[in-house]
Amino acid sequence: MTAEIVISIVILLVSAVPMIILGIVQYRSKDPVGFWSGKKPPQREEITDVKAYNRKHGLMWIFFGVGLVMCYVCGLFWGGLIAGCLCMIEVVGGIFAMIADHEKLNRMYYKEEGDK
């Protein structure tokens, strides 16, 4: 195992594992979870199904972290250029997809004004 592979594995672990852990914590949370840094998560009374809301947010983060790991594995087999392209697609596309999914989950699980 070359030093290049060891260093890249450390970078991968530092970047992908926290996202996977965050996803697991959100998936198992009893209280509503947040998505944006610095913004308070919704109150329990504002969400129709807290368990489903949390699980879907948690899965979003888990899939994002696993996607980064899969890009790395592809790079080991097919080379750095392909891994770099896959990683850029995963990061940029993944972030936009997560934002869109978060907004969709808010529309699905936030109570209407008359339901509160």
PDB file of N, CA and C in Angstrom:
ATOM      1  N   MET A   1       0.856  -1.182   0.000  1.00  0.00           N
ATOM      2  CA  MET A   1       0.000   0.000   0.000  1.00  0.00           C
ATOM      3  C   MET A   1       0.892   1.231   0.000  1.00  0.00           C
ATOM      4  N   THR A   2       0.709   2.073  -0.978  1.00  0.00           N
ATOM      5  CA  THR A   2       1.547   3.261  -1.100  1.00  0.00           C
ATOM      6  C   THR A   2       1.064   4.371  -0.165  1.00  0.00           C
ATOM      7  N   ALA A   3       1.943   5.324   0.043  1.00  0.00           N
ATOM      8  CA  ALA A   3       1.602   6.462   0.904  1.00  0.00           C
ATOM      9  C   ALA A   3       0.431   7.248   0.319  1.00  0.00           C
ATOM     10  N   GLU A   4       0.364   7.305  -1.005  1.00  0.00           N
ATOM     11  CA  GLU A   4      -0.737   8.018  -1.664  1.00  0.00           C
ATOM     12  C   GLU A   4      -2.091   7.403  -1.295  1.00  0.00           C
ATOM     13  N   ILE A   5      -2.165   6.089  -1.271  1.00  0.00           N
ATOM     14  CA  ILE A   5      -3.420   5.410  -0.932  1.00  0.00           C
ATOM     15  C   ILE A   5      -3.757   5.620   0.539  1.00  0.00           C
ATOM     16  N   VAL A   6      -2.759   5.538   1.406  1.00  0.00           N
ATOM     17  CA  VAL A   6      -2.998   5.730   2.840  1.00  0.00           C
ATOM     18  C   VAL A   6      -3.516   7.142   3.104  1.00  0.00           C
ATOM     19  N   ILE A   7      -2.893   8.134   2.502  1.00  0.00           N
ATOM     20  CA  ILE A   7      -3.314   9.521   2.703  1.00  0.00           C
ATOM     21  C   ILE A   7      -4.721   9.735   2.155  1.00  0.00           C
ATOM     22  N   SER A   8      -5.005   9.160   0.984  1.00  0.00           N
ATOM     23  CA  SER A   8      -6.338   9.340   0.413  1.00  0.00           C
ATOM     24  C   SER A   8      -7.406   8.631   1.237  1.00  0.00           C
ATOM     25  N   ILE A   9      -7.085   7.495   1.852  1.00  0.00           N
ATOM     26  CA  ILE A   9      -8.043   6.813   2.729  1.00  0.00           C
ATOM     27  C   ILE A   9      -8.327   7.666   3.961  1.00  0.00           C
ATOM     28  N   VAL A  10      -7.287   8.285   4.521  1.00  0.00           N
ATOM     29  CA  VAL A  10      -7.475   9.152   5.689  1.00  0.00           C
ATOM     30  C   VAL A  10      -8.367  10.339   5.320  1.00  0.00           C
ATOM     31  N   ILE A  11      -8.125  10.941   4.165  1.00  0.00           N
ATOM     32  CA  ILE A  11      -8.955  12.067   3.716  1.00  0.00           C
ATOM     33  C   ILE A  11     -10.402  11.616   3.520  1.00  0.00           C
ATOM     34  N   LEU A  12     -10.576  10.441   2.926  1.00  0.00           N
ATOM     35  CA  LEU A  12     -11.918   9.896   2.734  1.00  0.00           C
ATOM     36  C   LEU A  12     -12.613   9.693   4.069  1.00  0.00           C
ATOM     37  N   LEU A  13     -11.915   9.105   5.020  1.00  0.00           N
ATOM     38  CA  LEU A  13     -12.533   8.844   6.326  1.00  0.00           C
ATOM     39  C   LEU A  13     -12.899  10.135   7.041  1.00  0.00           C
ATOM     40  N   VAL A  14     -12.044  11.138   6.916  1.00  0.00           N
ATOM     41  CA  VAL A  14     -12.314  12.418   7.573  1.00  0.00           C
ATOM     42  C   VAL A  14     -13.497  13.135   6.921  1.00  0.00           C
ATOM     43  N   SER A  15     -13.706  12.916   5.628  1.00  0.00           N
ATOM     44  CA  SER A  15     -14.785  13.628   4.944  1.00  0.00           C
ATOM     45  C   SER A  15     -16.093  12.843   4.869  1.00  0.00           C
ATOM     46  N   ALA A  16     -16.048  11.544   4.643  1.00  0.00           N
ATOM     47  CA  ALA A  16     -17.278  10.775   4.423  1.00  0.00           C
ATOM     48  C   ALA A  16     -17.873  10.211   5.710  1.00  0.00           C
ATOM     49  N   VAL A  17     -17.037   9.752   6.617  1.00  0.00           N
ATOM     50  CA  VAL A  17     -17.546   9.099   7.831  1.00  0.00           C
ATOM     51  C   VAL A  17     -18.389  10.037   8.692  1.00  0.00           C
ATOM     52  N   PRO A  18     -18.011  11.310   8.886  1.00  0.00           N
ATOM     53  CA  PRO A  18     -18.899  12.189   9.663  1.00  0.00           C
ATOM     54  C   PRO A  18     -20.291  12.346   9.050  1.00  0.00           C
ATOM     55  N   MET A  19     -20.377  12.320   7.728  1.00  0.00           N
ATOM     56  CA  MET A  19     -21.691  12.421   7.081  1.00  0.00           C
ATOM     57  C   MET A  19     -22.520  11.177   7.346  1.00  0.00           C
ATOM     58  N   ILE A  20     -21.873  10.029   7.302  1.00  0.00           N
ATOM     59  CA  ILE A  20     -22.579   8.773   7.575  1.00  0.00           C
ATOM     60  C   ILE A  20     -23.025   8.736   9.036  1.00  0.00           C
ATOM     61  N   ILE A  21     -22.158   9.163   9.942  1.00  0.00           N
ATOM     62  CA  ILE A  21     -22.514   9.193  11.370  1.00  0.00           C
ATOM     63  C   ILE A  21     -23.660  10.173  11.607  1.00  0.00           C
ATOM     64  N   LEU A  22     -23.598  11.345  10.984  1.00  0.00           N
ATOM     65  CA  LEU A  22     -24.685  12.318  11.101  1.00  0.00           C
ATOM     66  C   LEU A  22     -25.999  11.708  10.626  1.00  0.00           C
ATOM     67  N   GLY A  23     -25.952  10.977   9.525  1.00  0.00           N
ATOM     68  CA  GLY A  23     -27.144  10.328   9.009  1.00  0.00           C
ATOM     69  C   GLY A  23     -27.707   9.304   9.975  1.00  0.00           C
ATOM     70  N   ILE A  24     -26.838   8.526  10.599  1.00  0.00           N
ATOM     71  CA  ILE A  24     -27.289   7.521  11.567  1.00  0.00           C
ATOM     72  C   ILE A  24     -27.922   8.197  12.778  1.00  0.00           C
ATOM     73  N   VAL A  25     -27.290   9.269  13.252  1.00  0.00           N
ATOM     74  CA  VAL A  25     -27.831   9.992  14.405  1.00  0.00           C
ATOM     75  C   VAL A  25     -29.195  10.591  14.057  1.00  0.00           C
ATOM     76  N   GLN A  26     -29.315  11.187  12.873  1.00  0.00           N
ATOM     77  CA  GLN A  26     -30.603  11.758  12.480  1.00  0.00           C
ATOM     78  C   GLN A  26     -31.646  10.669  12.286  1.00  0.00           C
ATOM     79  N   TYR A  27     -31.260   9.555  11.706  1.00  0.00           N
ATOM     80  CA  TYR A  27     -32.185   8.443  11.475  1.00  0.00           C
ATOM     81  C   TYR A  27     -32.781   7.938  12.782  1.00  0.00           C
ATOM     82  N   ARG A  28     -31.983   7.927  13.846  1.00  0.00           N
ATOM     83  CA  ARG A  28     -32.426   7.379  15.130  1.00  0.00           C
ATOM     84  C   ARG A  28     -32.981   8.427  16.079  1.00  0.00           C
ATOM     85  N   SER A  29     -32.960   9.692  15.704  1.00  0.00           N
ATOM     86  CA  SER A  29     -33.381  10.771  16.585  1.00  0.00           C
ATOM     87  C   SER A  29     -34.880  10.711  16.878  1.00  0.00           C
ATOM     88  N   LYS A  30     -35.224  11.046  18.103  1.00  0.00           N
ATOM     89  CA  LYS A  30     -36.631  11.106  18.517  1.00  0.00           C
ATOM     90  C   LYS A  30     -37.230  12.489  18.273  1.00  0.00           C
ATOM     91  N   ASP A  31     -36.390  13.513  18.289  1.00  0.00           N
ATOM     92  CA  ASP A  31     -36.844  14.885  18.052  1.00  0.00           C
ATOM     93  C   ASP A  31     -36.578  15.256  16.597  1.00  0.00           C
ATOM     94  N   PRO A  32     -37.344  16.194  16.049  1.00  0.00           N
ATOM     95  CA  PRO A  32     -37.119  16.599  14.658  1.00  0.00           C
ATOM     96  C   PRO A  32     -35.689  17.093  14.444  1.00  0.00           C
ATOM     97  N   VAL A  33     -35.130  16.716  13.316  1.00  0.00           N
ATOM     98  CA  VAL A  33     -33.744  17.075  13.011  1.00  0.00           C
ATOM     99  C   VAL A  33     -33.710  18.283  12.091  1.00  0.00           C
ATOM    100  N   GLY A  34     -32.575  18.950  12.090  1.00  0.00           N
ATOM    101  CA  GLY A  34     -32.375  20.092  11.215  1.00  0.00           C
ATOM    102  C   GLY A  34     -31.542  19.711  10.008  1.00  0.00           C
ATOM    103  N   PHE A  35     -31.544  20.577   9.031  1.00  0.00           N
ATOM    104  CA  PHE A  35     -30.752  20.342   7.831  1.00  0.00           C
ATOM    105  C   PHE A  35     -29.698  21.426   7.661  1.00  0.00           C
ATOM    106  N   TRP A  36     -30.085  22.675   7.856  1.00  0.00           N
ATOM    107  CA  TRP A  36     -29.176  23.791   7.654  1.00  0.00           C
ATOM    108  C   TRP A  36     -28.383  24.077   8.916  1.00  0.00           C
ATOM    109  N   SER A  37     -27.102  24.313   8.771  1.00  0.00           N
ATOM    110  CA  SER A  37     -26.250  24.676   9.889  1.00  0.00           C
ATOM    111  C   SER A  37     -26.646  26.065  10.383  1.00  0.00           C
ATOM    112  N   GLY A  38     -26.798  26.193  11.677  1.00  0.00           N
ATOM    113  CA  GLY A  38     -27.137  27.481  12.258  1.00  0.00           C
ATOM    114  C   GLY A  38     -28.629  27.770  12.313  1.00  0.00           C
ATOM    115  N   LYS A  39     -29.446  26.939  11.706  1.00  0.00           N
ATOM    116  CA  LYS A  39     -30.891  27.132  11.750  1.00  0.00           C
ATOM    117  C   LYS A  39     -31.483  26.087  12.688  1.00  0.00           C
ATOM    118  N   LYS A  40     -32.353  26.536  13.570  1.00  0.00           N
ATOM    119  CA  LYS A  40     -32.952  25.612  14.528  1.00  0.00           C
ATOM    120  C   LYS A  40     -33.853  24.608  13.812  1.00  0.00           C
ATOM    121  N   PRO A  41     -33.834  23.357  14.259  1.00  0.00           N
ATOM    122  CA  PRO A  41     -34.744  22.369  13.654  1.00  0.00           C
ATOM    123  C   PRO A  41     -36.189  22.697  14.008  1.00  0.00           C
ATOM    124  N   PRO A  42     -37.129  22.146  13.257  1.00  0.00           N
ATOM    125  CA  PRO A  42     -38.532  22.426  13.552  1.00  0.00           C
ATOM    126  C   PRO A  42     -38.953  21.848  14.905  1.00  0.00           C
ATOM    127  N   GLN A  43     -39.999  22.399  15.461  1.00  0.00           N
ATOM    128  CA  GLN A  43     -40.557  21.869  16.700  1.00  0.00           C
ATOM    129  C   GLN A  43     -41.376  20.624  16.384  1.00  0.00           C
ATOM    130  N   ARG A  44     -41.512  19.761  17.382  1.00  0.00           N
ATOM    131  CA  ARG A  44     -42.287  18.521  17.225  1.00  0.00           C
ATOM    132  C   ARG A  44     -43.715  18.821  16.765  1.00  0.00           C
ATOM    133  N   GLU A  45     -44.284  19.916  17.262  1.00  0.00           N
ATOM    134  CA  GLU A  45     -45.661  20.272  16.926  1.00  0.00           C
ATOM    135  C   GLU A  45     -45.816  20.710  15.472  1.00  0.00           C
ATOM    136  N   GLU A  46     -44.725  21.052  14.808  1.00  0.00           N
ATOM    137  CA  GLU A  46     -44.781  21.534  13.431  1.00  0.00           C
ATOM    138  C   GLU A  46     -44.715  20.407  12.398  1.00  0.00           C
ATOM    139  N   ILE A  47     -44.369  19.207  12.820  1.00  0.00           N
ATOM    140  CA  ILE A  47     -44.145  18.073  11.920  1.00  0.00           C
ATOM    141  C   ILE A  47     -45.265  17.043  12.102  1.00  0.00           C
ATOM    142  N   THR A  48     -45.768  16.515  11.000  1.00  0.00           N
ATOM    143  CA  THR A  48     -46.853  15.530  11.085  1.00  0.00           C
ATOM    144  C   THR A  48     -46.351  14.151  11.489  1.00  0.00           C
ATOM    145  N   ASP A  49     -45.198  13.708  10.990  1.00  0.00           N
ATOM    146  CA  ASP A  49     -44.642  12.394  11.311  1.00  0.00           C
ATOM    147  C   ASP A  49     -43.144  12.549  11.539  1.00  0.00           C
ATOM    148  N   VAL A  50     -42.758  12.752  12.801  1.00  0.00           N
ATOM    149  CA  VAL A  50     -41.370  13.035  13.142  1.00  0.00           C
ATOM    150  C   VAL A  50     -40.464  11.865  12.774  1.00  0.00           C
ATOM    151  N   LYS A  51     -40.908  10.651  13.030  1.00  0.00           N
ATOM    152  CA  LYS A  51     -40.076   9.474  12.758  1.00  0.00           C
ATOM    153  C   LYS A  51     -39.741   9.369  11.266  1.00  0.00           C
ATOM    154  N   ALA A  52     -40.726   9.505  10.402  1.00  0.00           N
ATOM    155  CA  ALA A  52     -40.497   9.428   8.952  1.00  0.00           C
ATOM    156  C   ALA A  52     -39.638  10.601   8.478  1.00  0.00           C
ATOM    157  N   TYR A  53     -39.904  11.788   9.006  1.00  0.00           N
ATOM    158  CA  TYR A  53     -39.135  12.982   8.649  1.00  0.00           C
ATOM    159  C   TYR A  53     -37.658  12.776   8.975  1.00  0.00           C
ATOM    160  N   ASN A  54     -37.369  12.283  10.174  1.00  0.00           N
ATOM    161  CA  ASN A  54     -35.992  12.069  10.597  1.00  0.00           C
ATOM    162  C   ASN A  54     -35.324  10.966   9.790  1.00  0.00           C
ATOM    163  N   ARG A  55     -36.031   9.884   9.558  1.00  0.00           N
ATOM    164  CA  ARG A  55     -35.439   8.767   8.816  1.00  0.00           C
ATOM    165  C   ARG A  55     -35.060   9.179   7.398  1.00  0.00           C
ATOM    166  N   LYS A  56     -35.920   9.933   6.758  1.00  0.00           N
ATOM    167  CA  LYS A  56     -35.616  10.349   5.388  1.00  0.00           C
ATOM    168  C   LYS A  56     -34.457  11.327   5.339  1.00  0.00           C
ATOM    169  N   HIS A  57     -34.377  12.208   6.328  1.00  0.00           N
ATOM    170  CA  HIS A  57     -33.219  13.104   6.385  1.00  0.00           C
ATOM    171  C   HIS A  57     -31.941  12.312   6.691  1.00  0.00           C
ATOM    172  N   GLY A  58     -32.029  11.361   7.597  1.00  0.00           N
ATOM    173  CA  GLY A  58     -30.862  10.542   7.921  1.00  0.00           C
ATOM    174  C   GLY A  58     -30.382   9.732   6.729  1.00  0.00           C
ATOM    175  N   LEU A  59     -31.300   9.123   6.009  1.00  0.00           N
ATOM    176  CA  LEU A  59     -30.921   8.339   4.825  1.00  0.00           C
ATOM    177  C   LEU A  59     -30.255   9.214   3.769  1.00  0.00           C
ATOM    178  N   MET A  60     -30.699  10.452   3.671  1.00  0.00           N
ATOM    179  CA  MET A  60     -30.103  11.385   2.723  1.00  0.00           C
ATOM    180  C   MET A  60     -28.603  11.539   3.003  1.00  0.00           C
ATOM    181  N   TRP A  61     -28.247  11.756   4.271  1.00  0.00           N
ATOM    182  CA  TRP A  61     -26.848  11.932   4.651  1.00  0.00           C
ATOM    183  C   TRP A  61     -26.060  10.629   4.515  1.00  0.00           C
ATOM    184  N   ILE A  62     -26.672   9.515   4.874  1.00  0.00           N
ATOM    185  CA  ILE A  62     -25.988   8.227   4.747  1.00  0.00           C
ATOM    186  C   ILE A  62     -25.660   7.950   3.288  1.00  0.00           C
ATOM    187  N   PHE A  63     -26.624   8.149   2.390  1.00  0.00           N
ATOM    188  CA  PHE A  63     -26.387   7.907   0.966  1.00  0.00           C
ATOM    189  C   PHE A  63     -25.314   8.842   0.410  1.00  0.00           C
ATOM    190  N   PHE A  64     -25.292  10.071   0.893  1.00  0.00           N
ATOM    191  CA  PHE A  64     -24.281  11.015   0.425  1.00  0.00           C
ATOM    192  C   PHE A  64     -22.885  10.542   0.835  1.00  0.00           C
ATOM    193  N   GLY A  65     -22.727  10.138   2.080  1.00  0.00           N
ATOM    194  CA  GLY A  65     -21.431   9.645   2.549  1.00  0.00           C
ATOM    195  C   GLY A  65     -21.014   8.358   1.858  1.00  0.00           C
ATOM    196  N   VAL A  66     -21.955   7.445   1.677  1.00  0.00           N
ATOM    197  CA  VAL A  66     -21.653   6.188   0.986  1.00  0.00           C
ATOM    198  C   VAL A  66     -21.305   6.466  -0.473  1.00  0.00           C
ATOM    199  N   GLY A  67     -21.949   7.439  -1.076  1.00  0.00           N
ATOM    200  CA  GLY A  67     -21.617   7.816  -2.452  1.00  0.00           C
ATOM    201  C   GLY A  67     -20.176   8.275  -2.581  1.00  0.00           C
ATOM    202  N   LEU A  68     -19.693   9.021  -1.603  1.00  0.00           N
ATOM    203  CA  LEU A  68     -18.289   9.439  -1.619  1.00  0.00           C
ATOM    204  C   LEU A  68     -17.356   8.233  -1.505  1.00  0.00           C
ATOM    205  N   VAL A  69     -17.713   7.293  -0.651  1.00  0.00           N
ATOM    206  CA  VAL A  69     -16.899   6.084  -0.513  1.00  0.00           C
ATOM    207  C   VAL A  69     -16.888   5.309  -1.831  1.00  0.00           C
ATOM    208  N   MET A  70     -18.032   5.216  -2.472  1.00  0.00           N
ATOM    209  CA  MET A  70     -18.108   4.485  -3.745  1.00  0.00           C
ATOM    210  C   MET A  70     -17.275   5.172  -4.832  1.00  0.00           C
ATOM    211  N   CYS A  71     -17.243   6.492  -4.833  1.00  0.00           N
ATOM    212  CA  CYS A  71     -16.385   7.210  -5.782  1.00  0.00           C
ATOM    213  C   CYS A  71     -14.926   6.851  -5.552  1.00  0.00           C
ATOM    214  N   TYR A  72     -14.538   6.758  -4.297  1.00  0.00           N
ATOM    215  CA  TYR A  72     -13.161   6.392  -3.972  1.00  0.00           C
ATOM    216  C   TYR A  72     -12.848   4.976  -4.448  1.00  0.00           C
ATOM    217  N   VAL A  73     -13.750   4.045  -4.206  1.00  0.00           N
ATOM    218  CA  VAL A  73     -13.545   2.659  -4.626  1.00  0.00           C
ATOM    219  C   VAL A  73     -13.428   2.588  -6.153  1.00  0.00           C
ATOM    220  N   CYS A  74     -14.262   3.326  -6.853  1.00  0.00           N
ATOM    221  CA  CYS A  74     -14.157   3.367  -8.318  1.00  0.00           C
ATOM    222  C   CYS A  74     -12.794   3.910  -8.745  1.00  0.00           C
ATOM    223  N   GLY A  75     -12.300   4.886  -8.027  1.00  0.00           N
ATOM    224  CA  GLY A  75     -10.993   5.448  -8.336  1.00  0.00           C
ATOM    225  C   GLY A  75      -9.867   4.454  -8.137  1.00  0.00           C
ATOM    226  N   LEU A  76     -10.001   3.580  -7.157  1.00  0.00           N
ATOM    227  CA  LEU A  76      -8.980   2.550  -6.953  1.00  0.00           C
ATOM    228  C   LEU A  76      -8.905   1.599  -8.142  1.00  0.00           C
ATOM    229  N   PHE A  77     -10.063   1.308  -8.713  1.00  0.00           N
ATOM    230  CA  PHE A  77     -10.101   0.354  -9.821  1.00  0.00           C
ATOM    231  C   PHE A  77      -9.839   1.000 -11.178  1.00  0.00           C
ATOM    232  N   TRP A  78     -10.357   2.218 -11.403  1.00  0.00           N
ATOM    233  CA  TRP A  78     -10.299   2.811 -12.735  1.00  0.00           C
ATOM    234  C   TRP A  78      -9.410   4.041 -12.840  1.00  0.00           C
ATOM    235  N   GLY A  79      -8.825   4.473 -11.771  1.00  0.00           N
ATOM    236  CA  GLY A  79      -7.904   5.600 -11.851  1.00  0.00           C
ATOM    237  C   GLY A  79      -8.451   6.880 -11.262  1.00  0.00           C
ATOM    238  N   GLY A  80      -7.543   7.786 -11.000  1.00  0.00           N
ATOM    239  CA  GLY A  80      -7.862   9.024 -10.305  1.00  0.00           C
ATOM    240  C   GLY A  80      -8.727   9.986 -11.078  1.00  0.00           C
ATOM    241  N   LEU A  81      -8.554  10.045 -12.410  1.00  0.00           N
ATOM    242  CA  LEU A  81      -9.344  10.987 -13.191  1.00  0.00           C
ATOM    243  C   LEU A  81     -10.828  10.640 -13.141  1.00  0.00           C
ATOM    244  N   ILE A  82     -11.137   9.378 -13.279  1.00  0.00           N
ATOM    245  CA  ILE A  82     -12.543   8.948 -13.206  1.00  0.00           C
ATOM    246  C   ILE A  82     -13.091   9.194 -11.805  1.00  0.00           C
ATOM    247  N   ALA A  83     -12.292   8.875 -10.790  1.00  0.00           N
ATOM    248  CA  ALA A  83     -12.737   9.111  -9.411  1.00  0.00           C
ATOM    249  C   ALA A  83     -12.966  10.596  -9.160  1.00  0.00           C
ATOM    250  N   GLY A  84     -12.098  11.430  -9.680  1.00  0.00           N
ATOM    251  CA  GLY A  84     -12.255  12.869  -9.514  1.00  0.00           C
ATOM    252  C   GLY A  84     -13.534  13.382 -10.151  1.00  0.00           C
ATOM    253  N   CYS A  85     -13.815  12.895 -11.363  1.00  0.00           N
ATOM    254  CA  CYS A  85     -15.060  13.297 -12.045  1.00  0.00           C
ATOM    255  C   CYS A  85     -16.282  12.793 -11.277  1.00  0.00           C
ATOM    256  N   LEU A  86     -16.245  11.535 -10.855  1.00  0.00           N
ATOM    257  CA  LEU A  86     -17.365  10.979 -10.094  1.00  0.00           C
ATOM    258  C   LEU A  86     -17.567  11.734  -8.786  1.00  0.00           C
ATOM    259  N   CYS A  87     -16.469  12.077  -8.137  1.00  0.00           N
ATOM    260  CA  CYS A  87     -16.557  12.786  -6.858  1.00  0.00           C
ATOM    261  C   CYS A  87     -17.157  14.181  -7.051  1.00  0.00           C
ATOM    262  N   MET A  88     -16.764  14.871  -8.105  1.00  0.00           N
ATOM    263  CA  MET A  88     -17.333  16.202  -8.367  1.00  0.00           C
ATOM    264  C   MET A  88     -18.826  16.100  -8.661  1.00  0.00           C
ATOM    265  N   ILE A  89     -19.205  15.079  -9.436  1.00  0.00           N
ATOM    266  CA  ILE A  89     -20.624  14.868  -9.721  1.00  0.00           C
ATOM    267  C   ILE A  89     -21.369  14.565  -8.432  1.00  0.00           C
ATOM    268  N   GLU A  90     -20.774  13.705  -7.600  1.00  0.00           N
ATOM    269  CA  GLU A  90     -21.408  13.324  -6.326  1.00  0.00           C
ATOM    270  C   GLU A  90     -21.559  14.530  -5.413  1.00  0.00           C
ATOM    271  N   VAL A  91     -20.518  15.316  -5.284  1.00  0.00           N
ATOM    272  CA  VAL A  91     -20.554  16.445  -4.356  1.00  0.00           C
ATOM    273  C   VAL A  91     -21.514  17.529  -4.847  1.00  0.00           C
ATOM    274  N   VAL A  92     -21.325  17.998  -6.056  1.00  0.00           N
ATOM    275  CA  VAL A  92     -22.162  19.094  -6.560  1.00  0.00           C
ATOM    276  C   VAL A  92     -23.603  18.619  -6.758  1.00  0.00           C
ATOM    277  N   GLY A  93     -23.766  17.511  -7.469  1.00  0.00           N
ATOM    278  CA  GLY A  93     -25.110  16.993  -7.692  1.00  0.00           C
ATOM    279  C   GLY A  93     -25.775  16.551  -6.407  1.00  0.00           C
ATOM    280  N   GLY A  94     -24.985  15.938  -5.523  1.00  0.00           N
ATOM    281  CA  GLY A  94     -25.532  15.466  -4.250  1.00  0.00           C
ATOM    282  C   GLY A  94     -26.035  16.595  -3.377  1.00  0.00           C
ATOM    283  N   ILE A  95     -25.290  17.684  -3.338  1.00  0.00           N
ATOM    284  CA  ILE A  95     -25.713  18.818  -2.518  1.00  0.00           C
ATOM    285  C   ILE A  95     -27.023  19.403  -3.050  1.00  0.00           C
ATOM    286  N   PHE A  96     -27.101  19.597  -4.364  1.00  0.00           N
ATOM    287  CA  PHE A  96     -28.341  20.134  -4.940  1.00  0.00           C
ATOM    288  C   PHE A  96     -29.503  19.165  -4.747  1.00  0.00           C
ATOM    289  N   ALA A  97     -29.229  17.873  -4.893  1.00  0.00           N
ATOM    290  CA  ALA A  97     -30.285  16.869  -4.690  1.00  0.00           C
ATOM    291  C   ALA A  97     -30.746  16.858  -3.237  1.00  0.00           C
ATOM    292  N   MET A  98     -29.812  17.003  -2.296  1.00  0.00           N
ATOM    293  CA  MET A  98     -30.182  17.019  -0.877  1.00  0.00           C
ATOM    294  C   MET A  98     -31.008  18.255  -0.537  1.00  0.00           C
ATOM    295  N   ILE A  99     -30.644  19.394  -1.102  1.00  0.00           N
ATOM    296  CA  ILE A  99     -31.430  20.612  -0.861  1.00  0.00           C
ATOM    297  C   ILE A  99     -32.845  20.437  -1.398  1.00  0.00           C
ATOM    298  N   ALA A 100     -32.958  19.897  -2.612  1.00  0.00           N
ATOM    299  CA  ALA A 100     -34.285  19.681  -3.203  1.00  0.00           C
ATOM    300  C   ALA A 100     -35.081  18.674  -2.376  1.00  0.00           C
ATOM    301  N   ASP A 101     -34.419  17.614  -1.916  1.00  0.00           N
ATOM    302  CA  ASP A 101     -35.102  16.602  -1.113  1.00  0.00           C
ATOM    303  C   ASP A 101     -35.544  17.172   0.232  1.00  0.00           C
ATOM    304  N   HIS A 102     -34.709  17.992   0.832  1.00  0.00           N
ATOM    305  CA  HIS A 102     -35.068  18.635   2.103  1.00  0.00           C
ATOM    306  C   HIS A 102     -36.310  19.507   1.932  1.00  0.00           C
ATOM    307  N   GLU A 103     -36.348  20.287   0.866  1.00  0.00           N
ATOM    308  CA  GLU A 103     -37.516  21.133   0.610  1.00  0.00           C
ATOM    309  C   GLU A 103     -38.761  20.278   0.381  1.00  0.00           C
ATOM    310  N   LYS A 104     -38.604  19.173  -0.334  1.00  0.00           N
ATOM    311  CA  LYS A 104     -39.728  18.255  -0.572  1.00  0.00           C
ATOM    312  C   LYS A 104     -40.221  17.662   0.746  1.00  0.00           C
ATOM    313  N   LEU A 105     -39.294  17.269   1.621  1.00  0.00           N
ATOM    314  CA  LEU A 105     -39.682  16.709   2.917  1.00  0.00           C
ATOM    315  C   LEU A 105     -40.390  17.750   3.768  1.00  0.00           C
ATOM    316  N   ASN A 106     -39.945  18.983   3.699  1.00  0.00           N
ATOM    317  CA  ASN A 106     -40.633  20.046   4.440  1.00  0.00           C
ATOM    318  C   ASN A 106     -42.066  20.216   3.941  1.00  0.00           C
ATOM    319  N   ARG A 107     -42.261  20.169   2.625  1.00  0.00           N
ATOM    320  CA  ARG A 107     -43.625  20.282   2.090  1.00  0.00           C
ATOM    321  C   ARG A 107     -44.473  19.085   2.504  1.00  0.00           C
ATOM    322  N   MET A 108     -43.873  17.905   2.585  1.00  0.00           N
ATOM    323  CA  MET A 108     -44.623  16.697   2.933  1.00  0.00           C
ATOM    324  C   MET A 108     -44.984  16.629   4.416  1.00  0.00           C
ATOM    325  N   TYR A 109     -44.063  17.031   5.294  1.00  0.00           N
ATOM    326  CA  TYR A 109     -44.230  16.755   6.711  1.00  0.00           C
ATOM    327  C   TYR A 109     -44.543  17.958   7.593  1.00  0.00           C
ATOM    328  N   TYR A 110     -44.395  19.182   7.084  1.00  0.00           N
ATOM    329  CA  TYR A 110     -44.790  20.339   7.894  1.00  0.00           C
ATOM    330  C   TYR A 110     -46.306  20.413   7.924  1.00  0.00           C
ATOM    331  N   LYS A 111     -46.848  20.704   9.087  1.00  0.00           N
ATOM    332  CA  LYS A 111     -48.299  20.866   9.225  1.00  0.00           C
ATOM    333  C   LYS A 111     -48.725  22.151   8.540  1.00  0.00           C
ATOM    334  N   GLU A 112     -49.921  22.122   8.012  1.00  0.00           N
ATOM    335  CA  GLU A 112     -50.496  23.332   7.409  1.00  0.00           C
ATOM    336  C   GLU A 112     -50.831  24.307   8.527  1.00  0.00           C
ATOM    337  N   GLU A 113     -50.974  25.566   8.195  1.00  0.00           N
ATOM    338  CA  GLU A 113     -51.269  26.601   9.189  1.00  0.00           C
ATOM    339  C   GLU A 113     -52.536  26.281   9.978  1.00  0.00           C
ATOM    340  N   GLY A 114     -53.544  25.726   9.349  1.00  0.00           N
ATOM    341  CA  GLY A 114     -54.797  25.417  10.038  1.00  0.00           C
ATOM    342  C   GLY A 114     -54.723  24.173  10.897  1.00  0.00           C
ATOM    343  N   ASP A 115     -53.696  23.329  10.710  1.00  0.00           N
ATOM    344  CA  ASP A 115     -53.578  22.077  11.456  1.00  0.00           C
ATOM    345  C   ASP A 115     -52.910  22.233  12.821  1.00  0.00           C
ATOM    346  N   LYS A 116     -52.307  23.371  13.077  1.00  0.00           N
ATOM    347  CA  LYS A 116     -51.523  23.534  14.319  1.00  0.00           C
ATOM    348  C   LYS A 116     -52.386  23.631  15.526  1.00  0.00           C
TER     349      LYS A 116
END
